[in-house]
Each structure stands twice: as C-alpha cells, then as structure tokens.
Amino acid sequence: MSSQSNHPEKLGYSIREACHATSLGRTTIFAHIASGRLRVTRIGGRTIIPAESLRKLIQGG
C-alpha cells in the first residue's frame, strides 16, 4: 500500500496552520515575521506564510 497522499503539497500556511505545523506559538511566529526571518504575503485580509519560508526558518536558513 502506498503512503503517498492524494493531497497536493501546501504552498502557504495561515498563522494558525504555521503554529500547528511547527509547534511554535503565535507570539514566536509573529516575532520571526517582525524580525524578517519569516516572509509573509497578504492576500485580501489573510496573512499567508509561504511554505518555503517556513521550511527555511525550521532548517535554520
């Protein structure tokens, strides 16, 4: 049986999703955004964190 999912890879995360995916708190996520270590994009009224930016943060890049 294949372990691959039929869901496409996420391109971006909401603040809540980023917290859940990284086990970091909202305050920590917002601190990384404010310091420029985490890039965000505003779309309408939503703040989206690109998946690549979140990966770089976690990998220490």
PDB file of N, CA and C in Angstrom:
ATOM      1  N   MET A   1       0.833  -1.175   0.000  1.00  0.00           N
ATOM      2  CA  MET A   1       0.000   0.000   0.000  1.00  0.00           C
ATOM      3  C   MET A   1       0.885   1.248   0.000  1.00  0.00           C
ATOM      4  N   SER A   2       0.555   2.226  -0.796  1.00  0.00           N
ATOM      5  CA  SER A   2       1.338   3.441  -0.918  1.00  0.00           C
ATOM      6  C   SER A   2       1.048   4.382   0.241  1.00  0.00           C
ATOM      7  N   SER A   3       2.076   5.059   0.731  1.00  0.00           N
ATOM      8  CA  SER A   3       1.889   6.000   1.831  1.00  0.00           C
ATOM      9  C   SER A   3       1.711   7.427   1.323  1.00  0.00           C
ATOM     10  N   GLN A   4       1.738   7.620  -0.003  1.00  0.00           N
ATOM     11  CA  GLN A   4       1.574   8.949  -0.563  1.00  0.00           C
ATOM     12  C   GLN A   4       0.115   9.384  -0.469  1.00  0.00           C
ATOM     13  N   SER A   5      -0.071  10.654  -0.223  1.00  0.00           N
ATOM     14  CA  SER A   5      -1.402  11.226  -0.116  1.00  0.00           C
ATOM     15  C   SER A   5      -1.825  11.786  -1.469  1.00  0.00           C
ATOM     16  N   ASN A   6      -3.117  11.868  -1.687  1.00  0.00           N
ATOM     17  CA  ASN A   6      -3.634  12.457  -2.919  1.00  0.00           C
ATOM     18  C   ASN A   6      -3.742  13.971  -2.815  1.00  0.00           C
ATOM     19  N   HIS A   7      -3.355  14.520  -1.659  1.00  0.00           N
ATOM     20  CA  HIS A   7      -3.434  15.965  -1.459  1.00  0.00           C
ATOM     21  C   HIS A   7      -2.167  16.626  -1.986  1.00  0.00           C
ATOM     22  N   PRO A   8      -2.326  17.730  -2.721  1.00  0.00           N
ATOM     23  CA  PRO A   8      -1.132  18.429  -3.206  1.00  0.00           C
ATOM     24  C   PRO A   8      -0.386  19.070  -2.039  1.00  0.00           C
ATOM     25  N   GLU A   9       0.913  19.284  -2.208  1.00  0.00           N
ATOM     26  CA  GLU A   9       1.722  19.933  -1.187  1.00  0.00           C
ATOM     27  C   GLU A   9       1.215  21.357  -0.976  1.00  0.00           C
ATOM     28  N   LYS A  10       1.150  21.794   0.272  1.00  0.00           N
ATOM     29  CA  LYS A  10       0.678  23.143   0.576  1.00  0.00           C
ATOM     30  C   LYS A  10       1.677  24.171   0.066  1.00  0.00           C
ATOM     31  N   LEU A  11       1.160  25.249  -0.495  1.00  0.00           N
ATOM     32  CA  LEU A  11       2.001  26.344  -0.969  1.00  0.00           C
ATOM     33  C   LEU A  11       2.190  27.407   0.106  1.00  0.00           C
ATOM     34  N   GLY A  12       1.211  27.511   0.997  1.00  0.00           N
ATOM     35  CA  GLY A  12       1.271  28.523   2.041  1.00  0.00           C
ATOM     36  C   GLY A  12       0.446  28.120   3.244  1.00  0.00           C
ATOM     37  N   TYR A  13       0.752  28.748   4.373  1.00  0.00           N
ATOM     38  CA  TYR A  13       0.105  28.433   5.636  1.00  0.00           C
ATOM     39  C   TYR A  13      -0.461  29.701   6.270  1.00  0.00           C
ATOM     40  N   SER A  14      -1.610  29.569   6.901  1.00  0.00           N
ATOM     41  CA  SER A  14      -2.119  30.652   7.725  1.00  0.00           C
ATOM     42  C   SER A  14      -1.270  30.691   9.000  1.00  0.00           C
ATOM     43  N   ILE A  15      -1.428  31.721   9.802  1.00  0.00           N
ATOM     44  CA  ILE A  15      -0.687  31.809  11.059  1.00  0.00           C
ATOM     45  C   ILE A  15      -1.011  30.594  11.929  1.00  0.00           C
ATOM     46  N   ARG A  16      -2.276  30.256  12.036  1.00  0.00           N
ATOM     47  CA  ARG A  16      -2.694  29.114  12.853  1.00  0.00           C
ATOM     48  C   ARG A  16      -2.083  27.811  12.343  1.00  0.00           C
ATOM     49  N   GLU A  17      -2.114  27.610  11.021  1.00  0.00           N
ATOM     50  CA  GLU A  17      -1.539  26.396  10.436  1.00  0.00           C
ATOM     51  C   GLU A  17      -0.029  26.335  10.650  1.00  0.00           C
ATOM     52  N   ALA A  18       0.635  27.493  10.534  1.00  0.00           N
ATOM     53  CA  ALA A  18       2.086  27.540  10.746  1.00  0.00           C
ATOM     54  C   ALA A  18       2.429  27.179  12.187  1.00  0.00           C
ATOM     55  N   CYS A  19       1.638  27.657  13.121  1.00  0.00           N
ATOM     56  CA  CYS A  19       1.849  27.310  14.532  1.00  0.00           C
ATOM     57  C   CYS A  19       1.700  25.808  14.734  1.00  0.00           C
ATOM     58  N   HIS A  20       0.668  25.250  14.163  1.00  0.00           N
ATOM     59  CA  HIS A  20       0.421  23.811  14.309  1.00  0.00           C
ATOM     60  C   HIS A  20       1.523  22.990  13.638  1.00  0.00           C
ATOM     61  N   ALA A  21       1.932  23.403  12.439  1.00  0.00           N
ATOM     62  CA  ALA A  21       2.927  22.644  11.672  1.00  0.00           C
ATOM     63  C   ALA A  21       4.308  22.674  12.318  1.00  0.00           C
ATOM     64  N   THR A  22       4.639  23.766  13.017  1.00  0.00           N
ATOM     65  CA  THR A  22       5.977  23.933  13.572  1.00  0.00           C
ATOM     66  C   THR A  22       6.053  23.730  15.077  1.00  0.00           C
ATOM     67  N   SER A  23       4.903  23.652  15.728  1.00  0.00           N
ATOM     68  CA  SER A  23       4.827  23.589  17.197  1.00  0.00           C
ATOM     69  C   SER A  23       5.374  24.858  17.849  1.00  0.00           C
ATOM     70  N   LEU A  24       5.332  25.964  17.123  1.00  0.00           N
ATOM     71  CA  LEU A  24       5.718  27.264  17.667  1.00  0.00           C
ATOM     72  C   LEU A  24       4.458  28.039  18.015  1.00  0.00           C
ATOM     73  N   GLY A  25       4.538  28.917  18.992  1.00  0.00           N
ATOM     74  CA  GLY A  25       3.401  29.735  19.384  1.00  0.00           C
ATOM     75  C   GLY A  25       3.212  30.935  18.473  1.00  0.00           C
ATOM     76  N   ARG A  26       2.032  31.550  18.581  1.00  0.00           N
ATOM     77  CA  ARG A  26       1.716  32.723  17.760  1.00  0.00           C
ATOM     78  C   ARG A  26       2.710  33.855  18.001  1.00  0.00           C
ATOM     79  N   THR A  27       3.054  34.082  19.265  1.00  0.00           N
ATOM     80  CA  THR A  27       3.984  35.160  19.592  1.00  0.00           C
ATOM     81  C   THR A  27       5.334  34.928  18.925  1.00  0.00           C
ATOM     82  N   THR A  28       5.803  33.692  18.924  1.00  0.00           N
ATOM     83  CA  THR A  28       7.081  33.355  18.293  1.00  0.00           C
ATOM     84  C   THR A  28       6.999  33.540  16.786  1.00  0.00           C
ATOM     85  N   ILE A  29       5.901  33.078  16.188  1.00  0.00           N
ATOM     86  CA  ILE A  29       5.713  33.248  14.737  1.00  0.00           C
ATOM     87  C   ILE A  29       5.720  34.731  14.381  1.00  0.00           C
ATOM     88  N   PHE A  30       4.978  35.548  15.137  1.00  0.00           N
ATOM     89  CA  PHE A  30       4.935  36.983  14.854  1.00  0.00           C
ATOM     90  C   PHE A  30       6.291  37.648  15.095  1.00  0.00           C
ATOM     91  N   ALA A  31       7.057  37.172  16.060  1.00  0.00           N
ATOM     92  CA  ALA A  31       8.406  37.710  16.290  1.00  0.00           C
ATOM     93  C   ALA A  31       9.312  37.421  15.096  1.00  0.00           C
ATOM     94  N   HIS A  32       9.209  36.228  14.529  1.00  0.00           N
ATOM     95  CA  HIS A  32      10.004  35.886  13.348  1.00  0.00           C
ATOM     96  C   HIS A  32       9.572  36.718  12.140  1.00  0.00           C
ATOM     97  N   ILE A  33       8.292  36.995  12.026  1.00  0.00           N
ATOM     98  CA  ILE A  33       7.796  37.855  10.940  1.00  0.00           C
ATOM     99  C   ILE A  33       8.353  39.272  11.111  1.00  0.00           C
ATOM    100  N   ALA A  34       8.264  39.803  12.334  1.00  0.00           N
ATOM    101  CA  ALA A  34       8.718  41.171  12.599  1.00  0.00           C
ATOM    102  C   ALA A  34      10.214  41.339  12.372  1.00  0.00           C
ATOM    103  N   SER A  35      10.986  40.292  12.673  1.00  0.00           N
ATOM    104  CA  SER A  35      12.436  40.368  12.512  1.00  0.00           C
ATOM    105  C   SER A  35      12.876  40.127  11.061  1.00  0.00           C
ATOM    106  N   GLY A  36      11.939  39.684  10.212  1.00  0.00           N
ATOM    107  CA  GLY A  36      12.271  39.433   8.812  1.00  0.00           C
ATOM    108  C   GLY A  36      12.759  38.018   8.544  1.00  0.00           C
ATOM    109  N   ARG A  37      12.802  37.174   9.568  1.00  0.00           N
ATOM    110  CA  ARG A  37      13.245  35.786   9.375  1.00  0.00           C
ATOM    111  C   ARG A  37      12.171  34.924   8.727  1.00  0.00           C
ATOM    112  N   LEU A  38      10.931  35.404   8.769  1.00  0.00           N
ATOM    113  CA  LEU A  38       9.808  34.668   8.183  1.00  0.00           C
ATOM    114  C   LEU A  38       9.062  35.617   7.262  1.00  0.00           C
ATOM    115  N   ARG A  39       8.967  35.252   5.990  1.00  0.00           N
ATOM    116  CA  ARG A  39       8.316  36.090   4.975  1.00  0.00           C
ATOM    117  C   ARG A  39       6.819  35.798   4.958  1.00  0.00           C
ATOM    118  N   VAL A  40       6.020  36.821   4.777  1.00  0.00           N
ATOM    119  CA  VAL A  40       4.576  36.648   4.666  1.00  0.00           C
ATOM    120  C   VAL A  40       4.059  37.381   3.441  1.00  0.00           C
ATOM    121  N   THR A  41       2.889  36.963   2.993  1.00  0.00           N
ATOM    122  CA  THR A  41       2.196  37.610   1.888  1.00  0.00           C
ATOM    123  C   THR A  41       0.781  37.903   2.358  1.00  0.00           C
ATOM    124  N   ARG A  42       0.308  39.098   2.095  1.00  0.00           N
ATOM    125  CA  ARG A  42      -1.063  39.450   2.433  1.00  0.00           C
ATOM    126  C   ARG A  42      -1.925  39.254   1.191  1.00  0.00           C
ATOM    127  N   ILE A  43      -2.974  38.474   1.321  1.00  0.00           N
ATOM    128  CA  ILE A  43      -3.918  38.245   0.228  1.00  0.00           C
ATOM    129  C   ILE A  43      -5.296  38.563   0.780  1.00  0.00           C
ATOM    130  N   GLY A  44      -5.855  39.653   0.278  1.00  0.00           N
ATOM    131  CA  GLY A  44      -7.111  40.110   0.858  1.00  0.00           C
ATOM    132  C   GLY A  44      -6.855  40.464   2.316  1.00  0.00           C
ATOM    133  N   GLY A  45      -7.618  39.891   3.216  1.00  0.00           N
ATOM    134  CA  GLY A  45      -7.425  40.122   4.637  1.00  0.00           C
ATOM    135  C   GLY A  45      -6.620  39.045   5.320  1.00  0.00           C
ATOM    136  N   ARG A  46      -6.074  38.115   4.548  1.00  0.00           N
ATOM    137  CA  ARG A  46      -5.363  36.973   5.138  1.00  0.00           C
ATOM    138  C   ARG A  46      -3.857  37.164   5.065  1.00  0.00           C
ATOM    139  N   THR A  47      -3.182  36.665   6.078  1.00  0.00           N
ATOM    140  CA  THR A  47      -1.727  36.629   6.096  1.00  0.00           C
ATOM    141  C   THR A  47      -1.316  35.199   5.797  1.00  0.00           C
ATOM    142  N   ILE A  48      -0.571  35.021   4.729  1.00  0.00           N
ATOM    143  CA  ILE A  48      -0.138  33.696   4.299  1.00  0.00           C
ATOM    144  C   ILE A  48       1.384  33.623   4.394  1.00  0.00           C
ATOM    145  N   ILE A  49       1.859  32.546   4.997  1.00  0.00           N
ATOM    146  CA  ILE A  49       3.292  32.299   5.094  1.00  0.00           C
ATOM    147  C   ILE A  49       3.651  31.268   4.021  1.00  0.00           C
ATOM    148  N   PRO A  50       4.467  31.642   3.042  1.00  0.00           N
ATOM    149  CA  PRO A  50       4.855  30.671   2.019  1.00  0.00           C
ATOM    150  C   PRO A  50       5.560  29.460   2.646  1.00  0.00           C
ATOM    151  N   ALA A  51       5.255  28.280   2.142  1.00  0.00           N
ATOM    152  CA  ALA A  51       5.821  27.044   2.685  1.00  0.00           C
ATOM    153  C   ALA A  51       7.340  27.073   2.661  1.00  0.00           C
ATOM    154  N   GLU A  52       7.940  27.618   1.613  1.00  0.00           N
ATOM    155  CA  GLU A  52       9.403  27.657   1.514  1.00  0.00           C
ATOM    156  C   GLU A  52      10.005  28.529   2.610  1.00  0.00           C
ATOM    157  N   SER A  53       9.329  29.613   2.978  1.00  0.00           N
ATOM    158  CA  SER A  53       9.823  30.482   4.045  1.00  0.00           C
ATOM    159  C   SER A  53       9.778  29.768   5.391  1.00  0.00           C
ATOM    160  N   LEU A  54       8.721  29.012   5.623  1.00  0.00           N
ATOM    161  CA  LEU A  54       8.583  28.255   6.862  1.00  0.00           C
ATOM    162  C   LEU A  54       9.651  27.150   6.937  1.00  0.00           C
ATOM    163  N   ARG A  55       9.901  26.488   5.813  1.00  0.00           N
ATOM    164  CA  ARG A  55      10.936  25.438   5.776  1.00  0.00           C
ATOM    165  C   ARG A  55      12.318  26.018   6.080  1.00  0.00           C
ATOM    166  N   LYS A  56      12.628  27.195   5.490  1.00  0.00           N
ATOM    167  CA  LYS A  56      13.919  27.832   5.732  1.00  0.00           C
ATOM    168  C   LYS A  56      14.095  28.165   7.202  1.00  0.00           C
ATOM    169  N   LEU A  57      13.049  28.668   7.821  1.00  0.00           N
ATOM    170  CA  LEU A  57      13.115  29.003   9.238  1.00  0.00           C
ATOM    171  C   LEU A  57      13.418  27.773  10.084  1.00  0.00           C
ATOM    172  N   ILE A  58      12.711  26.693   9.806  1.00  0.00           N
ATOM    173  CA  ILE A  58      12.877  25.450  10.575  1.00  0.00           C
ATOM    174  C   ILE A  58      14.250  24.841  10.324  1.00  0.00           C
ATOM    175  N   GLN A  59      14.744  24.938   9.089  1.00  0.00           N
ATOM    176  CA  GLN A  59      16.046  24.361   8.760  1.00  0.00           C
ATOM    177  C   GLN A  59      17.209  25.243   9.198  1.00  0.00           C
ATOM    178  N   GLY A  60      16.892  26.419   9.718  1.00  0.00           N
ATOM    179  CA  GLY A  60      17.936  27.310  10.201  1.00  0.00           C
ATOM    180  C   GLY A  60      18.542  28.204   9.142  1.00  0.00           C
ATOM    181  N   GLY A  61      17.854  28.336   8.016  1.00  0.00           N
ATOM    182  CA  GLY A  61      18.395  29.136   6.913  1.00  0.00           C
ATOM    183  C   GLY A  61      18.070  30.526   6.958  1.00  0.00           C
TER     184      GLY A  61
END
